[in-house]
Structures are given as structure tokens and as C-alpha cells.
């Protein structure tokens, strides 16, 4: 599925459109549609943990979100070897409004979200 990027992806200001392809219930890939060299592995945070936060008003406006909007949330994964050492950034989620295919990256305040880290390893979620 293709999405219109609103605002900016951290470190990638020129990415305007992305395509997301689900690999499985945990992993997906997000690729820049105009530059095949820009690709991210993203994860479904809800497959790993309880994960909730309030969306800032500016993001709601950017994505045209209302109380009936169907949303998806992903987090960027930095792949390491072995895979269990890969890290997830829970402080900068990717939020998608599935009703209009608009996407934005949200930057959460660490002081308000002390349970979320910027580099949590996958292995820390093993049971």
C-alpha cells in the first residue's frame, strides 16, 4: 500500500511517498517510492507490548484524523546481528491514517513516556 508522507521522517526530509509491505504480523518494510536505496524495516509494536500515547493536535491535523479514523502504528527497527540485538525506537512512531493513506512520524516526549525507549532490543521482549 502507498502512503503520502506528511511532515518529515527523521533524517529523511525528502521522502514524500512510501510503500509498506507486510512481511508477517511483526515485521514490514517501508520503502521510498522515488528512491529504491531508502528502505526501513518497521515493526508492529502491539505484537510486542502495551503501547499507547496521545497524538499531538498538529499530527491529527496533518493526517486529517477524527474520532472515526482507522489508524495503524509502526516503529522503526535498526537491524543488528544477531537479529535479537536489533533495536526499536518507541519514541518516534510512524502513524498512518488508513482512511486517506497519509502517514507521519510522531516524536514523543521521553519525560511523558518513560516506559518507551529509543533503542529497545527485540530480545528484551522475549518471554
Protein backbone atom coordinates (compact mmCIF):
# COMPACT_ATOMS: atom_id res chain seq x y z
CA UNK A 1 0.00 0.00 0.00
CA UNK A 2 1.26 3.52 -0.82
CA UNK A 3 1.18 6.40 1.63
CA UNK A 4 1.63 10.15 1.43
CA UNK A 5 4.25 11.31 3.97
CA UNK A 6 3.16 14.39 5.89
CA UNK A 7 5.73 16.34 7.81
CA UNK A 8 9.13 14.69 7.74
CA UNK A 9 10.68 11.32 8.53
CA UNK A 10 13.62 11.87 10.90
CA UNK A 11 16.80 12.18 8.85
CA UNK A 12 14.95 11.78 5.54
CA UNK A 13 13.38 15.15 4.72
CA UNK A 14 12.91 14.38 1.02
CA UNK A 15 10.82 11.24 1.42
CA UNK A 16 7.33 12.19 0.21
CA UNK A 17 5.71 8.84 -0.60
CA UNK A 18 6.33 5.37 0.79
CA UNK A 19 5.10 1.88 0.19
CA UNK A 20 4.59 -0.54 3.09
CA UNK A 21 4.66 -4.29 2.58
CA UNK A 22 3.84 -6.63 5.44
CA UNK A 23 6.29 -9.49 5.92
CA UNK A 24 4.46 -11.10 8.86
CA UNK A 25 2.49 -10.00 11.94
CA UNK A 26 5.59 -8.35 13.45
CA UNK A 27 7.73 -7.10 10.54
CA UNK A 28 7.03 -4.95 7.49
CA UNK A 29 9.17 -2.93 5.10
CA UNK A 30 8.66 0.74 4.30
CA UNK A 31 10.32 1.94 1.08
CA UNK A 32 10.62 5.35 -0.50
CA UNK A 33 8.76 5.15 -3.81
CA UNK A 34 11.16 7.54 -5.56
CA UNK A 35 14.49 6.20 -4.21
CA UNK A 36 14.96 2.44 -4.05
CA UNK A 37 18.00 2.92 -1.78
CA UNK A 38 15.85 4.23 1.08
CA UNK A 39 14.17 1.42 2.95
CA UNK A 40 13.20 0.80 6.57
CA UNK A 41 12.26 -2.29 8.49
CA UNK A 42 9.32 -1.46 10.72
CA UNK A 43 7.56 -3.42 13.44
CA UNK A 44 4.05 -3.67 14.79
CA UNK A 45 4.54 -2.52 18.41
CA UNK A 46 1.33 -4.17 19.59
CA UNK A 47 2.81 -7.59 18.79
CA UNK A 48 5.47 -6.87 21.43
CA UNK A 49 3.98 -4.74 24.20
CA UNK A 50 1.27 -2.46 25.52
CA UNK A 51 1.77 0.74 23.55
CA UNK A 52 -0.39 3.82 23.76
CA UNK A 53 0.14 7.56 23.54
CA UNK A 54 -1.82 10.70 22.83
CA UNK A 55 -1.45 12.11 19.34
CA UNK A 56 -0.45 15.78 19.27
CA UNK A 57 -3.02 18.09 17.67
CA UNK A 58 -0.65 19.07 14.84
CA UNK A 59 -0.34 15.41 13.80
CA UNK A 60 -4.11 14.98 13.89
CA UNK A 61 -4.41 17.99 11.57
CA UNK A 62 -1.60 16.78 9.25
CA UNK A 63 -3.19 13.37 8.89
CA UNK A 64 -6.80 14.63 8.97
CA UNK A 65 -7.61 12.34 11.88
CA UNK A 66 -11.02 12.35 13.53
CA UNK A 67 -12.66 10.12 16.14
CA UNK A 68 -13.67 7.58 13.45
CA UNK A 69 -10.30 7.36 11.68
CA UNK A 70 -8.77 3.92 11.20
CA UNK A 71 -5.14 4.18 12.33
CA UNK A 72 -2.07 1.96 12.16
CA UNK A 73 1.13 2.43 14.13
CA UNK A 74 4.63 1.15 13.40
CA UNK A 75 8.09 1.66 14.86
CA UNK A 76 11.39 1.72 13.01
CA UNK A 77 13.75 -1.18 13.66
CA UNK A 78 17.52 -0.86 13.37
CA UNK A 79 18.72 -4.31 12.28
CA UNK A 80 21.71 -5.84 14.04
CA UNK A 81 23.36 -9.24 14.00
CA UNK A 82 22.14 -11.37 15.61
CA UNK A 83 18.56 -10.21 14.96
CA UNK A 84 17.71 -10.28 18.69
CA UNK A 85 20.14 -7.36 19.19
CA UNK A 86 18.15 -5.21 16.73
CA UNK A 87 16.68 -2.10 18.33
CA UNK A 88 13.26 -0.47 18.14
CA UNK A 89 12.59 3.24 18.55
CA UNK A 90 9.37 3.52 20.55
CA UNK A 91 9.74 7.30 20.95
CA UNK A 92 9.24 8.09 17.25
CA UNK A 93 6.28 6.04 15.99
CA UNK A 94 5.00 6.08 12.42
CA UNK A 95 1.26 6.81 12.47
CA UNK A 96 -0.95 6.10 9.46
CA UNK A 97 -4.47 7.27 8.75
CA UNK A 98 -5.73 4.31 6.69
CA UNK A 99 -8.81 6.27 5.58
CA UNK A 100 -6.77 8.66 3.42
CA UNK A 101 -3.36 6.88 3.18
CA UNK A 102 -1.48 9.66 4.96
CA UNK A 103 1.48 8.91 7.21
CA UNK A 104 3.56 10.94 9.69
CA UNK A 105 6.30 10.28 12.19
CA UNK A 106 5.46 11.44 15.71
CA UNK A 107 8.15 12.46 18.19
CA UNK A 108 7.07 11.60 21.73
CA UNK A 109 8.48 13.39 24.77
CA UNK A 110 10.67 10.99 26.77
CA UNK A 111 9.62 12.63 30.06
CA UNK A 112 5.95 11.85 29.36
CA UNK A 113 6.66 8.34 28.08
CA UNK A 114 9.20 6.92 30.50
CA UNK A 115 8.24 3.34 29.58
CA UNK A 116 9.35 3.83 25.96
CA UNK A 117 12.97 3.79 24.84
CA UNK A 118 14.73 4.99 21.73
CA UNK A 119 16.72 1.77 21.33
CA UNK A 120 14.98 -1.19 22.96
CA UNK A 121 16.28 -4.57 21.79
CA UNK A 122 13.99 -7.24 20.39
CA UNK A 123 15.45 -9.74 22.85
CA UNK A 124 14.11 -7.67 25.77
CA UNK A 125 10.58 -8.75 24.72
CA UNK A 126 11.22 -12.49 24.81
CA UNK A 127 9.11 -14.31 27.35
